């Protein structure tokens, strides 16, 4: 006889800061996540994901494509709205 037990898991803790690899002064060891560029945060998340699956000895499932979103929204994470704005003001045509 087999049975399946369902349980709720607690998600990974999300830090509020990142730690600098080499400390130069006494007060420059930690940086708020808001101080880190989005591309750097994304790369750090990718590395974390890779390490989680490596430690679990599992293959990663295919990543979902990002959902369509409003590029004019302040919540736009992709930078496409900013790219379009910079192109329009720079006089560069594509």
N, C-alpha and C. Protein backbone atom coordinates (compact mmCIF):
# COMPACT_ATOMS: atom_id res chain seq x y z
N UNK A 1 0.85 -1.17 0.00
CA UNK A 1 0.00 0.00 0.00
C UNK A 1 0.90 1.24 0.00
N UNK A 2 0.50 2.21 -0.82
CA UNK A 2 1.22 3.48 -0.87
C UNK A 2 0.26 4.61 -0.56
N UNK A 3 0.82 5.67 -0.01
CA UNK A 3 0.02 6.86 0.25
C UNK A 3 0.88 8.10 -0.05
N UNK A 4 0.20 9.17 -0.29
CA UNK A 4 0.88 10.44 -0.52
C UNK A 4 0.43 11.41 0.55
N UNK A 5 1.39 12.07 1.16
CA UNK A 5 1.08 13.06 2.18
C UNK A 5 1.46 14.43 1.64
N UNK A 6 0.52 15.35 1.72
CA UNK A 6 0.77 16.69 1.25
C UNK A 6 1.17 17.55 2.44
N UNK A 7 2.17 18.43 2.22
CA UNK A 7 2.59 19.31 3.30
C UNK A 7 2.91 20.69 2.74
N UNK A 8 2.77 21.68 3.55
CA UNK A 8 3.11 23.04 3.15
C UNK A 8 4.55 23.32 3.55
N UNK A 9 5.32 23.86 2.62
CA UNK A 9 6.71 24.19 2.89
C UNK A 9 6.87 25.68 3.09
N UNK A 10 7.80 26.04 3.92
CA UNK A 10 8.12 27.46 4.13
C UNK A 10 9.07 27.88 3.02
N UNK A 11 8.79 28.99 2.32
CA UNK A 11 9.69 29.43 1.24
C UNK A 11 11.07 29.80 1.79
N UNK A 12 12.03 29.89 0.88
CA UNK A 12 13.37 30.33 1.26
C UNK A 12 13.30 31.73 1.85
N UNK A 13 14.17 32.00 2.81
CA UNK A 13 14.27 33.35 3.35
C UNK A 13 14.81 34.28 2.26
N UNK A 14 14.20 35.45 2.15
CA UNK A 14 14.66 36.45 1.19
C UNK A 14 15.43 37.51 1.98
N UNK A 15 16.70 37.72 1.63
CA UNK A 15 17.49 38.70 2.39
C UNK A 15 17.08 40.13 2.05
N UNK A 16 17.44 41.04 2.92
CA UNK A 16 17.22 42.47 2.67
C UNK A 16 18.49 43.14 2.20
N UNK A 17 19.61 42.46 2.40
CA UNK A 17 20.91 43.03 2.04
C UNK A 17 21.77 41.97 1.35
N UNK A 18 22.82 42.44 0.69
CA UNK A 18 23.85 41.55 0.16
C UNK A 18 25.15 41.94 0.85
N UNK A 19 26.05 40.99 0.94
CA UNK A 19 27.32 41.21 1.62
C UNK A 19 28.43 41.32 0.62
N UNK A 20 29.26 42.33 0.78
CA UNK A 20 30.40 42.53 -0.11
C UNK A 20 31.45 41.46 0.19
N UNK A 21 32.08 40.94 -0.86
CA UNK A 21 33.06 39.87 -0.70
C UNK A 21 34.27 40.31 0.11
N UNK A 22 34.78 41.51 -0.17
CA UNK A 22 35.95 42.01 0.55
C UNK A 22 35.58 43.30 1.25
N UNK A 23 35.81 43.34 2.54
CA UNK A 23 35.49 44.53 3.31
C UNK A 23 36.69 45.46 3.36
N UNK A 24 36.48 46.72 2.95
CA UNK A 24 37.56 47.70 2.98
C UNK A 24 37.52 48.49 4.28
N UNK A 25 36.35 49.01 4.60
CA UNK A 25 36.20 49.79 5.82
C UNK A 25 35.23 49.11 6.77
N UNK A 26 35.08 49.66 7.97
CA UNK A 26 34.22 49.01 8.98
C UNK A 26 32.73 49.06 8.66
N UNK A 27 32.30 50.02 7.83
CA UNK A 27 30.86 50.20 7.60
C UNK A 27 30.40 49.86 6.19
N UNK A 28 31.23 49.23 5.39
CA UNK A 28 30.83 49.02 4.00
C UNK A 28 30.64 47.56 3.65
N UNK A 29 30.22 46.75 4.61
CA UNK A 29 30.10 45.32 4.36
C UNK A 29 28.76 44.93 3.71
N UNK A 30 27.67 45.60 4.07
CA UNK A 30 26.34 45.22 3.58
C UNK A 30 25.74 46.33 2.72
N UNK A 31 25.00 45.91 1.69
CA UNK A 31 24.30 46.83 0.83
C UNK A 31 22.85 46.40 0.72
N UNK A 32 21.94 47.36 0.78
CA UNK A 32 20.51 47.09 0.62
C UNK A 32 20.26 46.56 -0.80
N UNK A 33 19.30 45.67 -0.94
CA UNK A 33 18.96 45.16 -2.27
C UNK A 33 18.59 46.30 -3.22
N UNK A 34 17.99 47.35 -2.69
CA UNK A 34 17.58 48.47 -3.54
C UNK A 34 18.77 49.23 -4.12
N UNK A 35 19.96 49.03 -3.57
CA UNK A 35 21.17 49.69 -4.07
C UNK A 35 21.85 48.89 -5.19
N UNK A 36 21.39 47.68 -5.43
CA UNK A 36 22.03 46.79 -6.39
C UNK A 36 21.31 46.89 -7.73
N UNK A 37 22.04 47.03 -8.85
CA UNK A 37 21.39 47.10 -10.17
C UNK A 37 20.55 45.85 -10.46
N UNK A 38 19.46 46.04 -11.18
CA UNK A 38 18.53 44.94 -11.50
C UNK A 38 19.23 43.78 -12.20
N UNK A 39 20.14 44.08 -13.13
CA UNK A 39 20.84 43.00 -13.84
C UNK A 39 21.70 42.18 -12.90
N UNK A 40 22.31 42.84 -11.91
CA UNK A 40 23.13 42.13 -10.93
C UNK A 40 22.25 41.24 -10.05
N UNK A 41 21.12 41.78 -9.60
CA UNK A 41 20.19 40.98 -8.79
C UNK A 41 19.71 39.76 -9.58
N UNK A 42 19.38 39.97 -10.84
CA UNK A 42 18.92 38.87 -11.68
C UNK A 42 19.99 37.78 -11.80
N UNK A 43 21.24 38.20 -12.02
CA UNK A 43 22.34 37.23 -12.12
C UNK A 43 22.53 36.49 -10.80
N UNK A 44 22.41 37.20 -9.68
CA UNK A 44 22.56 36.55 -8.37
C UNK A 44 21.43 35.53 -8.15
N UNK A 45 20.21 35.87 -8.58
CA UNK A 45 19.09 34.93 -8.45
C UNK A 45 19.31 33.70 -9.33
N UNK A 46 19.83 33.90 -10.54
CA UNK A 46 20.13 32.77 -11.43
C UNK A 46 21.17 31.85 -10.80
N UNK A 47 22.21 32.43 -10.21
CA UNK A 47 23.24 31.63 -9.55
C UNK A 47 22.66 30.86 -8.37
N UNK A 48 21.77 31.51 -7.60
CA UNK A 48 21.13 30.86 -6.46
C UNK A 48 20.28 29.68 -6.94
N UNK A 49 19.50 29.90 -7.98
CA UNK A 49 18.66 28.84 -8.54
C UNK A 49 19.51 27.67 -9.02
N UNK A 50 20.59 27.98 -9.73
CA UNK A 50 21.49 26.91 -10.21
C UNK A 50 22.04 26.10 -9.05
N UNK A 51 22.44 26.77 -7.99
CA UNK A 51 23.02 26.08 -6.83
C UNK A 51 21.98 25.23 -6.10
N UNK A 52 20.76 25.72 -6.00
CA UNK A 52 19.69 24.95 -5.35
C UNK A 52 19.46 23.63 -6.09
N UNK A 53 19.33 23.70 -7.41
CA UNK A 53 19.09 22.48 -8.18
C UNK A 53 20.31 21.56 -8.17
N UNK A 54 21.52 22.14 -8.17
CA UNK A 54 22.72 21.33 -8.11
C UNK A 54 22.77 20.56 -6.79
N UNK A 55 22.49 21.25 -5.69
CA UNK A 55 22.51 20.59 -4.37
C UNK A 55 21.41 19.53 -4.25
N UNK A 56 20.29 19.76 -4.93
CA UNK A 56 19.19 18.80 -4.89
C UNK A 56 19.41 17.65 -5.88
N UNK A 57 20.47 17.76 -6.70
CA UNK A 57 20.77 16.76 -7.71
C UNK A 57 19.58 16.57 -8.66
N UNK A 58 19.01 17.71 -9.08
CA UNK A 58 17.85 17.72 -9.97
C UNK A 58 18.14 18.56 -11.20
N UNK A 59 17.50 18.20 -12.31
CA UNK A 59 17.54 19.04 -13.51
C UNK A 59 16.52 20.15 -13.34
N UNK A 60 16.86 21.33 -13.83
CA UNK A 60 15.92 22.44 -13.73
C UNK A 60 14.82 22.30 -14.76
N UNK A 61 13.57 22.56 -14.37
CA UNK A 61 12.49 22.57 -15.36
C UNK A 61 12.65 23.78 -16.27
N UNK A 62 12.05 23.76 -17.45
CA UNK A 62 12.15 24.92 -18.35
C UNK A 62 11.59 26.16 -17.67
N UNK A 63 12.23 27.29 -17.91
CA UNK A 63 11.79 28.56 -17.31
C UNK A 63 10.60 29.08 -18.11
N UNK A 64 9.65 29.64 -17.39
CA UNK A 64 8.49 30.26 -18.05
C UNK A 64 8.92 31.57 -18.68
N UNK A 65 8.29 31.90 -19.79
CA UNK A 65 8.53 33.19 -20.41
C UNK A 65 7.85 34.27 -19.56
N UNK A 66 8.44 35.46 -19.48
CA UNK A 66 7.81 36.53 -18.70
C UNK A 66 6.44 36.87 -19.27
N UNK A 67 5.54 37.21 -18.37
CA UNK A 67 4.20 37.62 -18.79
C UNK A 67 4.24 38.99 -19.44
N UNK A 68 3.37 39.23 -20.42
CA UNK A 68 3.29 40.57 -21.00
C UNK A 68 2.91 41.57 -19.91
N UNK A 69 3.41 42.76 -20.01
CA UNK A 69 3.10 43.77 -19.00
C UNK A 69 3.15 45.16 -19.63
N UNK A 70 2.67 46.13 -18.87
CA UNK A 70 2.62 47.51 -19.34
C UNK A 70 3.99 48.15 -19.15
N UNK A 71 4.66 48.48 -20.25
CA UNK A 71 6.01 49.05 -20.17
C UNK A 71 6.01 50.47 -19.61
N UNK A 72 4.85 51.12 -19.57
CA UNK A 72 4.78 52.47 -19.02
C UNK A 72 4.55 52.45 -17.52
N UNK A 73 4.30 51.28 -16.98
CA UNK A 73 4.07 51.15 -15.55
C UNK A 73 5.38 51.32 -14.78
N UNK A 74 5.34 51.93 -13.60
CA UNK A 74 6.55 52.02 -12.79
C UNK A 74 7.06 50.64 -12.35
N UNK A 75 6.21 49.62 -12.47
CA UNK A 75 6.62 48.27 -12.10
C UNK A 75 7.28 47.52 -13.24
N UNK A 76 7.45 48.16 -14.39
CA UNK A 76 8.11 47.52 -15.54
C UNK A 76 9.54 47.21 -15.16
N UNK A 77 9.91 45.95 -15.26
CA UNK A 77 11.24 45.50 -14.86
C UNK A 77 12.17 45.30 -16.04
N UNK A 78 11.64 45.31 -17.25
CA UNK A 78 12.46 44.90 -18.39
C UNK A 78 13.27 46.04 -19.00
N UNK A 79 12.91 47.28 -18.71
CA UNK A 79 13.67 48.41 -19.24
C UNK A 79 13.28 48.79 -20.65
N UNK A 80 12.33 48.08 -21.25
CA UNK A 80 11.95 48.38 -22.63
C UNK A 80 11.39 49.79 -22.77
N UNK A 81 10.60 50.23 -21.78
CA UNK A 81 10.04 51.59 -21.84
C UNK A 81 11.16 52.60 -21.80
N UNK A 82 12.15 52.40 -20.95
CA UNK A 82 13.28 53.33 -20.85
C UNK A 82 14.10 53.30 -22.13
N UNK A 83 14.25 52.12 -22.73
CA UNK A 83 15.00 52.00 -23.97
C UNK A 83 14.31 52.80 -25.07
N UNK A 84 13.00 52.65 -25.18
CA UNK A 84 12.26 53.37 -26.20
C UNK A 84 12.34 54.87 -25.99
N UNK A 85 12.28 55.31 -24.72
CA UNK A 85 12.35 56.73 -24.42
C UNK A 85 13.73 57.28 -24.78
N UNK A 86 14.77 56.53 -24.48
CA UNK A 86 16.12 57.02 -24.79
C UNK A 86 16.34 57.07 -26.29
N UNK A 87 15.77 56.13 -27.03
CA UNK A 87 15.88 56.15 -28.49
C UNK A 87 15.17 57.36 -29.07
N UNK A 88 14.00 57.68 -28.51
CA UNK A 88 13.20 58.78 -29.05
C UNK A 88 13.90 60.12 -28.81
N UNK A 89 14.58 60.27 -27.69
CA UNK A 89 15.22 61.55 -27.38
C UNK A 89 16.62 61.66 -27.96
N UNK A 90 17.21 60.54 -28.35
CA UNK A 90 18.59 60.60 -28.84
C UNK A 90 18.67 60.91 -30.32
N UNK A 91 17.54 60.81 -31.03
CA UNK A 91 17.55 61.05 -32.46
C UNK A 91 18.05 59.86 -33.25
N UNK A 92 18.28 58.74 -32.59
CA UNK A 92 18.75 57.53 -33.28
C UNK A 92 17.54 56.79 -33.78
N UNK A 93 17.55 56.43 -35.04
CA UNK A 93 16.45 55.67 -35.62
C UNK A 93 16.88 54.24 -35.82
N UNK A 94 15.95 53.32 -35.65
CA UNK A 94 16.30 51.91 -35.86
C UNK A 94 15.71 51.40 -37.15
